[in-house]
């Protein structure tokens, strides 16, 4: 499926399924685990991280460490391997004091 021929099928799948949950309780198709397209698993984590770390009206901005901690505690929501990869990438890019506490 392409939107007006401008969007790759992978992008459409990512947007369509990024609210699926690793444990199968998400939407729109209640997909679980590996049945969720990998691009949607990446987008779900990126979207959540952005939501938590960017200041929005009425919502406080969390630090990198706080956001990663909250995401790690969301049992069943994210692909654990993709979440670990994000934590490792951000820890490697963080100043040493923040990196140690994020991992």
C-alpha atoms as a PDB file:
ATOM      1  CA  UNK A   1       0.000   0.000   0.000  1.00  0.00           C
ATOM      2  CA  UNK A   2       1.310   3.432  -0.883  1.00  0.00           C
ATOM      3  CA  UNK A   3      -0.132   6.814  -0.123  1.00  0.00           C
ATOM      4  CA  UNK A   4      -0.289   8.672  -3.426  1.00  0.00           C
ATOM      5  CA  UNK A   5       2.871   6.891  -4.508  1.00  0.00           C
ATOM      6  CA  UNK A   6       4.955   9.077  -2.175  1.00  0.00           C
ATOM      7  CA  UNK A   7       5.364   6.840   0.878  1.00  0.00           C
ATOM      8  CA  UNK A   8       7.182   3.526   0.950  1.00  0.00           C
ATOM      9  CA  UNK A   9       5.143   0.525   2.103  1.00  0.00           C
ATOM     10  CA  UNK A  10       7.444   0.143   5.126  1.00  0.00           C
ATOM     11  CA  UNK A  11       6.602   3.671   6.274  1.00  0.00           C
ATOM     12  CA  UNK A  12       2.885   2.989   5.962  1.00  0.00           C
ATOM     13  CA  UNK A  13       3.267  -0.220   8.043  1.00  0.00           C
ATOM     14  CA  UNK A  14       5.301   1.640  10.648  1.00  0.00           C
ATOM     15  CA  UNK A  15       2.673   4.324  11.104  1.00  0.00           C
ATOM     16  CA  UNK A  16      -0.226   1.879  11.021  1.00  0.00           C
ATOM     17  CA  UNK A  17       1.208  -0.485  13.628  1.00  0.00           C
ATOM     18  CA  UNK A  18       3.289   1.678  15.963  1.00  0.00           C
ATOM     19  CA  UNK A  19       0.582   1.438  18.653  1.00  0.00           C
ATOM     20  CA  UNK A  20       0.796  -2.356  18.730  1.00  0.00           C
ATOM     21  CA  UNK A  21       2.304  -3.704  21.944  1.00  0.00           C
ATOM     22  CA  UNK A  22       4.863  -6.467  22.313  1.00  0.00           C
ATOM     23  CA  UNK A  23       2.412  -8.338  24.557  1.00  0.00           C
ATOM     24  CA  UNK A  24      -0.425  -8.145  21.984  1.00  0.00           C
ATOM     25  CA  UNK A  25      -2.654  -5.665  23.798  1.00  0.00           C
ATOM     26  CA  UNK A  26      -2.149  -2.764  21.372  1.00  0.00           C
ATOM     27  CA  UNK A  27      -4.065  -1.651  18.303  1.00  0.00           C
ATOM     28  CA  UNK A  28      -5.211  -1.642  15.521  1.00  0.00           C
ATOM     29  CA  UNK A  29      -4.621  -5.370  14.882  1.00  0.00           C
ATOM     30  CA  UNK A  30      -3.548  -6.620  18.345  1.00  0.00           C
ATOM     31  CA  UNK A  31      -0.318  -7.964  16.873  1.00  0.00           C
ATOM     32  CA  UNK A  32       2.243  -9.354  19.308  1.00  0.00           C
ATOM     33  CA  UNK A  33       5.989  -9.916  19.340  1.00  0.00           C
ATOM     34  CA  UNK A  34       7.669 -10.620  16.025  1.00  0.00           C
ATOM     35  CA  UNK A  35       4.341 -10.229  14.188  1.00  0.00           C
ATOM     36  CA  UNK A  36       4.685  -6.466  14.669  1.00  0.00           C
ATOM     37  CA  UNK A  37       6.648  -5.043  11.720  1.00  0.00           C
ATOM     38  CA  UNK A  38      10.173  -4.100  12.834  1.00  0.00           C
ATOM     39  CA  UNK A  39       9.782  -0.558  11.513  1.00  0.00           C
ATOM     40  CA  UNK A  40       6.689  -0.132  13.724  1.00  0.00           C
ATOM     41  CA  UNK A  41       8.647  -1.385  16.752  1.00  0.00           C
ATOM     42  CA  UNK A  42      11.337   1.226  16.097  1.00  0.00           C
ATOM     43  CA  UNK A  43       8.764   3.979  15.585  1.00  0.00           C
ATOM     44  CA  UNK A  44       6.894   3.057  18.788  1.00  0.00           C
ATOM     45  CA  UNK A  45      10.048   3.469  20.830  1.00  0.00           C
ATOM     46  CA  UNK A  46      11.098   6.682  19.080  1.00  0.00           C
ATOM     47  CA  UNK A  47       7.615   8.165  19.441  1.00  0.00           C
ATOM     48  CA  UNK A  48       7.420   7.337  23.142  1.00  0.00           C
ATOM     49  CA  UNK A  49      10.939   8.605  23.851  1.00  0.00           C
ATOM     50  CA  UNK A  50      10.156  11.861  22.062  1.00  0.00           C
ATOM     51  CA  UNK A  51       6.861  12.254  23.896  1.00  0.00           C
ATOM     52  CA  UNK A  52       8.607  11.817  27.245  1.00  0.00           C
ATOM     53  CA  UNK A  53      11.624  14.042  26.599  1.00  0.00           C
ATOM     54  CA  UNK A  54      10.134  17.017  24.735  1.00  0.00           C
ATOM     55  CA  UNK A  55       8.364  19.708  26.745  1.00  0.00           C
ATOM     56  CA  UNK A  56       4.684  19.888  25.953  1.00  0.00           C
ATOM     57  CA  UNK A  57       1.971  22.077  27.356  1.00  0.00           C
ATOM     58  CA  UNK A  58       0.821  20.620  30.654  1.00  0.00           C
ATOM     59  CA  UNK A  59       3.404  17.826  30.671  1.00  0.00           C
ATOM     60  CA  UNK A  60       6.864  18.030  32.196  1.00  0.00           C
ATOM     61  CA  UNK A  61       9.880  17.060  30.148  1.00  0.00           C
ATOM     62  CA  UNK A  62      11.707  14.031  31.520  1.00  0.00           C
ATOM     63  CA  UNK A  63      15.475  13.666  31.452  1.00  0.00           C
ATOM     64  CA  UNK A  64      17.011  11.000  29.234  1.00  0.00           C
ATOM     65  CA  UNK A  65      17.549   8.785  32.272  1.00  0.00           C
ATOM     66  CA  UNK A  66      13.997   9.263  33.571  1.00  0.00           C
ATOM     67  CA  UNK A  67      12.466   8.559  30.159  1.00  0.00           C
ATOM     68  CA  UNK A  68      14.496   5.393  29.653  1.00  0.00           C
ATOM     69  CA  UNK A  69      13.655   4.210  33.154  1.00  0.00           C
ATOM     70  CA  UNK A  70       9.952   4.766  32.552  1.00  0.00           C
ATOM     71  CA  UNK A  71      10.103   2.971  29.211  1.00  0.00           C
ATOM     72  CA  UNK A  72      11.990   0.034  30.719  1.00  0.00           C
ATOM     73  CA  UNK A  73       9.278  -0.293  33.362  1.00  0.00           C
ATOM     74  CA  UNK A  74       6.561  -0.492  30.692  1.00  0.00           C
ATOM     75  CA  UNK A  75       6.550  -4.280  30.709  1.00  0.00           C
ATOM     76  CA  UNK A  76       5.016  -5.722  27.566  1.00  0.00           C
ATOM     77  CA  UNK A  77       4.875  -2.508  25.588  1.00  0.00           C
ATOM     78  CA  UNK A  78       8.124  -2.577  23.611  1.00  0.00           C
ATOM     79  CA  UNK A  79      10.345  -5.098  21.857  1.00  0.00           C
ATOM     80  CA  UNK A  80      12.949  -5.625  24.600  1.00  0.00           C
ATOM     81  CA  UNK A  81      15.833  -5.972  22.114  1.00  0.00           C
ATOM     82  CA  UNK A  82      14.983  -2.691  20.375  1.00  0.00           C
ATOM     83  CA  UNK A  83      14.615  -0.914  23.725  1.00  0.00           C
ATOM     84  CA  UNK A  84      17.989  -2.274  24.901  1.00  0.00           C
ATOM     85  CA  UNK A  85      19.560  -1.036  21.657  1.00  0.00           C
ATOM     86  CA  UNK A  86      18.182   2.472  22.278  1.00  0.00           C
ATOM     87  CA  UNK A  87      19.466   2.450  25.849  1.00  0.00           C
ATOM     88  CA  UNK A  88      22.918   1.364  24.670  1.00  0.00           C
ATOM     89  CA  UNK A  89      23.022   3.982  21.903  1.00  0.00           C
ATOM     90  CA  UNK A  90      21.965   6.800  24.199  1.00  0.00           C
ATOM     91  CA  UNK A  91      24.304   5.640  26.961  1.00  0.00           C
ATOM     92  CA  UNK A  92      27.211   5.666  24.514  1.00  0.00           C
ATOM     93  CA  UNK A  93      26.315   9.205  23.435  1.00  0.00           C
ATOM     94  CA  UNK A  94      25.713  10.516  26.963  1.00  0.00           C
ATOM     95  CA  UNK A  95      28.226  12.138  29.267  1.00  0.00           C
ATOM     96  CA  UNK A  96      29.785   9.459  31.469  1.00  0.00           C
ATOM     97  CA  UNK A  97      27.738  10.245  34.608  1.00  0.00           C
ATOM     98  CA  UNK A  98      24.432  10.070  32.712  1.00  0.00           C
ATOM     99  CA  UNK A  99      25.463   6.980  30.726  1.00  0.00           C
ATOM    100  CA  UNK A 100      26.160   4.927  33.826  1.00  0.00           C
ATOM    101  CA  UNK A 101      22.757   5.632  35.318  1.00  0.00           C
ATOM    102  CA  UNK A 102      20.789   5.134  32.054  1.00  0.00           C
ATOM    103  CA  UNK A 103      21.996   1.573  31.483  1.00  0.00           C
END
